[in-house]
Amino acid sequence: MKDYSNLVIYMAYYTPQQHALLLKLADDRNKLNDTWKEWFEGFIKAKEQLPGDCEIEDFYVDVEKMDAHFRKNNMLNIGANRAKYVTEQGMLAHNKRRKF
């Protein structure tokens, strides 16, 4: 059995307003849930399927800030890039909180 006790998983969390904005800006709109409620149900299910011994951190996404990052770096606003952004930004925030 694998040990996930040192693993931190950052999960994108969208408020209903941010989810609505994401639907307007995403390049892969057809792959997204139509409502925040549908998205939230999937969010909870995904969290339940993760290993119990890993640390899960919700990362509140500012969609405008994320989209600006994508435009600045000539990236599409798609799932893979959103996941990478959340992981990178989550790690930065985590390291700022951490004391060495």
N, C-alpha and C. Protein backbone atom coordinates (compact mmCIF):
# COMPACT_ATOMS: atom_id res chain seq x y z
N MET A 1 0.84 -1.19 0.00
CA MET A 1 0.00 0.00 0.00
C MET A 1 0.89 1.25 0.00
N LYS A 2 0.54 2.20 -0.85
CA LYS A 2 1.34 3.42 -0.97
C LYS A 2 1.06 4.36 0.19
N ASP A 3 2.11 5.11 0.55
CA ASP A 3 1.98 6.12 1.61
C ASP A 3 1.83 7.48 0.95
N TYR A 4 0.66 8.10 1.13
CA TYR A 4 0.38 9.41 0.56
C TYR A 4 0.41 10.51 1.61
N SER A 5 0.98 10.22 2.79
CA SER A 5 0.90 11.16 3.90
C SER A 5 1.64 12.47 3.64
N ASN A 6 2.59 12.48 2.72
CA ASN A 6 3.31 13.72 2.40
C ASN A 6 2.76 14.39 1.14
N LEU A 7 1.74 13.84 0.57
CA LEU A 7 1.18 14.36 -0.67
C LEU A 7 0.14 15.43 -0.38
N VAL A 8 0.30 16.59 -1.04
CA VAL A 8 -0.69 17.66 -0.95
C VAL A 8 -1.33 17.79 -2.32
N ILE A 9 -2.65 17.72 -2.36
CA ILE A 9 -3.40 17.87 -3.60
C ILE A 9 -4.20 19.16 -3.51
N TYR A 10 -4.00 20.03 -4.48
CA TYR A 10 -4.72 21.29 -4.53
C TYR A 10 -5.90 21.12 -5.48
N MET A 11 -7.08 21.38 -4.96
CA MET A 11 -8.28 21.24 -5.77
C MET A 11 -8.89 22.62 -6.01
N ALA A 12 -9.15 22.89 -7.28
CA ALA A 12 -9.76 24.18 -7.64
C ALA A 12 -11.15 24.26 -7.05
N TYR A 13 -11.40 25.36 -6.35
CA TYR A 13 -12.73 25.62 -5.82
C TYR A 13 -13.23 26.92 -6.44
N TYR A 14 -14.42 26.86 -7.00
CA TYR A 14 -15.04 28.03 -7.62
C TYR A 14 -16.30 28.40 -6.84
N THR A 15 -16.47 29.66 -6.56
CA THR A 15 -17.75 30.13 -6.02
C THR A 15 -18.75 30.09 -7.18
N PRO A 16 -20.04 30.19 -6.89
CA PRO A 16 -21.01 30.22 -8.00
C PRO A 16 -20.71 31.33 -9.00
N GLN A 17 -20.30 32.49 -8.52
CA GLN A 17 -19.99 33.61 -9.42
C GLN A 17 -18.76 33.31 -10.27
N GLN A 18 -17.73 32.73 -9.65
CA GLN A 18 -16.52 32.40 -10.40
C GLN A 18 -16.78 31.29 -11.40
N HIS A 19 -17.64 30.34 -11.06
CA HIS A 19 -17.99 29.27 -11.99
C HIS A 19 -18.69 29.85 -13.21
N ALA A 20 -19.61 30.79 -12.99
CA ALA A 20 -20.31 31.42 -14.12
C ALA A 20 -19.33 32.15 -15.03
N LEU A 21 -18.35 32.81 -14.44
CA LEU A 21 -17.33 33.51 -15.23
C LEU A 21 -16.46 32.50 -15.98
N LEU A 22 -16.12 31.40 -15.34
CA LEU A 22 -15.34 30.36 -16.01
C LEU A 22 -16.07 29.85 -17.25
N LEU A 23 -17.38 29.69 -17.15
CA LEU A 23 -18.15 29.22 -18.30
C LEU A 23 -18.04 30.18 -19.47
N LYS A 24 -17.90 31.46 -19.20
CA LYS A 24 -17.77 32.46 -20.26
C LYS A 24 -16.37 32.49 -20.88
N LEU A 25 -15.35 32.18 -20.07
CA LEU A 25 -13.97 32.36 -20.52
C LEU A 25 -13.27 31.07 -20.97
N ALA A 26 -13.77 29.92 -20.55
CA ALA A 26 -13.09 28.66 -20.83
C ALA A 26 -13.10 28.33 -22.32
N ASP A 27 -11.97 27.86 -22.80
CA ASP A 27 -11.86 27.42 -24.19
C ASP A 27 -12.44 26.03 -24.39
N ASP A 28 -12.65 25.33 -23.29
CA ASP A 28 -13.25 23.99 -23.36
C ASP A 28 -14.61 23.97 -22.66
N ARG A 29 -15.38 25.03 -22.90
CA ARG A 29 -16.68 25.20 -22.26
C ARG A 29 -17.55 23.96 -22.36
N ASN A 30 -17.48 23.26 -23.48
CA ASN A 30 -18.33 22.08 -23.71
C ASN A 30 -18.01 20.93 -22.75
N LYS A 31 -16.87 20.99 -22.06
CA LYS A 31 -16.48 19.94 -21.13
C LYS A 31 -16.84 20.27 -19.68
N LEU A 32 -17.37 21.46 -19.44
CA LEU A 32 -17.66 21.90 -18.08
C LEU A 32 -19.11 21.69 -17.71
N ASN A 33 -19.34 21.55 -16.41
CA ASN A 33 -20.71 21.45 -15.91
C ASN A 33 -21.44 22.74 -16.18
N ASP A 34 -22.71 22.63 -16.53
CA ASP A 34 -23.52 23.80 -16.86
C ASP A 34 -23.88 24.64 -15.64
N THR A 35 -23.96 24.01 -14.47
CA THR A 35 -24.33 24.75 -13.27
C THR A 35 -23.29 24.55 -12.18
N TRP A 36 -23.25 25.49 -11.26
CA TRP A 36 -22.33 25.38 -10.12
C TRP A 36 -22.70 24.16 -9.28
N LYS A 37 -23.99 23.92 -9.12
CA LYS A 37 -24.43 22.78 -8.30
C LYS A 37 -23.90 21.47 -8.86
N GLU A 38 -23.98 21.29 -10.18
CA GLU A 38 -23.44 20.08 -10.81
C GLU A 38 -21.93 20.00 -10.60
N TRP A 39 -21.25 21.14 -10.77
CA TRP A 39 -19.80 21.17 -10.56
C TRP A 39 -19.48 20.80 -9.12
N PHE A 40 -20.20 21.38 -8.16
CA PHE A 40 -19.93 21.15 -6.75
C PHE A 40 -20.13 19.68 -6.37
N GLU A 41 -21.16 19.06 -6.90
CA GLU A 41 -21.38 17.63 -6.63
C GLU A 41 -20.20 16.80 -7.12
N GLY A 42 -19.67 17.12 -8.30
CA GLY A 42 -18.49 16.43 -8.82
C GLY A 42 -17.25 16.71 -7.99
N PHE A 43 -17.14 17.93 -7.51
CA PHE A 43 -16.02 18.33 -6.64
C PHE A 43 -16.00 17.48 -5.37
N ILE A 44 -17.15 17.33 -4.74
CA ILE A 44 -17.25 16.52 -3.52
C ILE A 44 -16.92 15.06 -3.81
N LYS A 45 -17.46 14.52 -4.89
CA LYS A 45 -17.18 13.12 -5.26
C LYS A 45 -15.69 12.90 -5.51
N ALA A 46 -15.06 13.84 -6.20
CA ALA A 46 -13.63 13.72 -6.48
C ALA A 46 -12.82 13.71 -5.19
N LYS A 47 -13.18 14.56 -4.26
CA LYS A 47 -12.47 14.60 -2.97
C LYS A 47 -12.62 13.29 -2.22
N GLU A 48 -13.80 12.70 -2.29
CA GLU A 48 -14.06 11.44 -1.58
C GLU A 48 -13.25 10.29 -2.16
N GLN A 49 -12.85 10.39 -3.42
CA GLN A 49 -12.12 9.30 -4.08
C GLN A 49 -10.61 9.39 -3.90
N LEU A 50 -10.14 10.49 -3.32
CA LEU A 50 -8.70 10.65 -3.11
C LEU A 50 -8.25 9.82 -1.91
N PRO A 51 -6.96 9.42 -1.90
CA PRO A 51 -6.47 8.65 -0.75
C PRO A 51 -6.68 9.41 0.56
N GLY A 52 -7.13 8.71 1.58
CA GLY A 52 -7.44 9.33 2.86
C GLY A 52 -6.25 9.88 3.61
N ASP A 53 -5.04 9.40 3.27
CA ASP A 53 -3.87 9.86 4.02
C ASP A 53 -3.14 11.01 3.35
N CYS A 54 -3.68 11.54 2.25
CA CYS A 54 -3.06 12.72 1.63
C CYS A 54 -3.75 13.98 2.15
N GLU A 55 -3.05 15.09 2.03
CA GLU A 55 -3.61 16.37 2.44
C GLU A 55 -4.29 17.02 1.24
N ILE A 56 -5.53 17.41 1.42
CA ILE A 56 -6.29 18.04 0.34
C ILE A 56 -6.54 19.49 0.72
N GLU A 57 -6.15 20.40 -0.17
CA GLU A 57 -6.38 21.82 0.07
C GLU A 57 -7.25 22.38 -1.03
N ASP A 58 -8.33 23.03 -0.64
CA ASP A 58 -9.17 23.73 -1.60
C ASP A 58 -8.46 25.02 -1.98
N PHE A 59 -8.36 25.28 -3.27
CA PHE A 59 -7.73 26.49 -3.75
C PHE A 59 -8.80 27.34 -4.41
N TYR A 60 -9.14 28.45 -3.77
CA TYR A 60 -10.17 29.34 -4.29
C TYR A 60 -9.63 30.07 -5.51
N VAL A 61 -10.27 29.87 -6.64
CA VAL A 61 -9.78 30.40 -7.91
C VAL A 61 -10.43 31.74 -8.24
N ASP A 62 -9.59 32.71 -8.53
CA ASP A 62 -10.03 33.99 -9.09
C ASP A 62 -9.91 33.81 -10.60
N VAL A 63 -11.01 33.59 -11.26
CA VAL A 63 -11.02 33.23 -12.67
C VAL A 63 -10.42 34.33 -13.54
N GLU A 64 -10.69 35.59 -13.23
CA GLU A 64 -10.11 36.69 -14.02
C GLU A 64 -8.59 36.67 -13.92
N LYS A 65 -8.07 36.48 -12.73
CA LYS A 65 -6.62 36.42 -12.53
C LYS A 65 -6.02 35.23 -13.26
N MET A 66 -6.68 34.09 -13.17
CA MET A 66 -6.19 32.90 -13.85
C MET A 66 -6.22 33.10 -15.36
N ASP A 67 -7.31 33.65 -15.88
CA ASP A 67 -7.42 33.86 -17.32
C ASP A 67 -6.38 34.86 -17.81
N ALA A 68 -6.10 35.89 -17.01
CA ALA A 68 -5.06 36.86 -17.38
C ALA A 68 -3.70 36.18 -17.46
N HIS A 69 -3.44 35.26 -16.54
CA HIS A 69 -2.20 34.49 -16.56
C HIS A 69 -2.10 33.68 -17.86
N PHE A 70 -3.20 33.06 -18.25
CA PHE A 70 -3.19 32.28 -19.48
C PHE A 70 -2.94 33.17 -20.69
N ARG A 71 -3.61 34.29 -20.77
CA ARG A 71 -3.43 35.19 -21.91
C ARG A 71 -2.00 35.71 -21.98
N LYS A 72 -1.45 36.08 -20.83
CA LYS A 72 -0.07 36.59 -20.77
C LYS A 72 0.92 35.54 -21.28
N ASN A 73 0.64 34.28 -21.01
CA ASN A 73 1.55 33.20 -21.37
C ASN A 73 1.11 32.43 -22.62
N ASN A 74 0.18 33.01 -23.39
CA ASN A 74 -0.30 32.39 -24.62
C ASN A 74 -0.76 30.95 -24.41
N MET A 75 -1.58 30.76 -23.36
CA MET A 75 -2.09 29.44 -23.03
C MET A 75 -3.61 29.44 -23.18
N LEU A 76 -4.15 28.31 -23.56
CA LEU A 76 -5.59 28.17 -23.61
C LEU A 76 -6.14 27.97 -22.20
N ASN A 77 -7.36 28.43 -21.99
CA ASN A 77 -8.04 28.22 -20.72
C ASN A 77 -8.77 26.87 -20.81
N ILE A 78 -7.99 25.80 -20.60
CA ILE A 78 -8.51 24.44 -20.67
C ILE A 78 -8.17 23.70 -19.38
N GLY A 79 -8.82 22.56 -19.18
CA GLY A 79 -8.68 21.80 -17.94
C GLY A 79 -7.25 21.52 -17.52
N ALA A 80 -6.42 21.05 -18.43
CA ALA A 80 -5.04 20.72 -18.07
C ALA A 80 -4.28 21.96 -17.59
N ASN A 81 -4.49 23.09 -18.26
CA ASN A 81 -3.82 24.33 -17.85
C ASN A 81 -4.39 24.87 -16.55
N ARG A 82 -5.70 24.71 -16.34
CA ARG A 82 -6.29 25.14 -15.07
C ARG A 82 -5.73 24.31 -13.92
N ALA A 83 -5.60 23.01 -14.12
CA ALA A 83 -5.06 22.13 -13.07
C ALA A 83 -3.62 22.51 -12.74
N LYS A 84 -2.84 22.77 -13.77
CA LYS A 84 -1.44 23.17 -13.57
C LYS A 84 -1.38 24.50 -12.81
N TYR A 85 -2.22 25.45 -13.19
CA TYR A 85 -2.26 26.75 -12.53
C TYR A 85 -2.60 26.60 -11.05
N VAL A 86 -3.62 25.81 -10.76
CA VAL A 86 -4.05 25.62 -9.36
C VAL A 86 -2.93 24.97 -8.55
N THR A 87 -2.27 23.98 -9.11
CA THR A 87 -1.18 23.32 -8.40
C THR A 87 -0.04 24.30 -8.13
N GLU A 88 0.36 25.04 -9.15
CA GLU A 88 1.46 26.00 -8.98
C GLU A 88 1.11 27.09 -7.98
N GLN A 89 -0.07 27.67 -8.12
CA GLN A 89 -0.48 28.74 -7.21
C GLN A 89 -0.71 28.22 -5.80
N GLY A 90 -1.23 27.02 -5.68
CA GLY A 90 -1.42 26.40 -4.37
C GLY A 90 -0.09 26.16 -3.67
N MET A 91 0.89 25.69 -4.42
CA MET A 91 2.22 25.46 -3.85
C MET A 91 2.87 26.77 -3.41
N LEU A 92 2.72 27.81 -4.22
CA LEU A 92 3.26 29.12 -3.84
C LEU A 92 2.63 29.62 -2.55
N ALA A 93 1.32 29.52 -2.45
CA ALA A 93 0.62 29.96 -1.25
C ALA A 93 1.04 29.11 -0.04
N HIS A 94 1.18 27.81 -0.25
CA HIS A 94 1.59 26.91 0.82
C HIS A 94 2.99 27.28 1.33
N ASN A 95 3.89 27.53 0.40
CA ASN A 95 5.27 27.86 0.79
C ASN A 95 5.36 29.19 1.51
N LYS A 96 4.47 30.14 1.17
CA LYS A 96 4.45 31.43 1.87
C LYS A 96 4.02 31.26 3.32
N ARG A 97 3.12 30.29 3.55
CA ARG A 97 2.61 30.06 4.91
C ARG A 97 3.60 29.26 5.75
N ARG A 98 4.45 28.50 5.08
CA ARG A 98 5.36 27.59 5.75
C ARG A 98 6.55 28.35 6.33
N LYS A 99 6.98 27.95 7.48
CA LYS A 99 8.17 28.56 8.10
C LYS A 99 9.32 27.58 7.98
N PHE A 100 10.43 28.08 7.49
CA PHE A 100 11.62 27.23 7.31
C PHE A 100 12.57 27.43 8.46
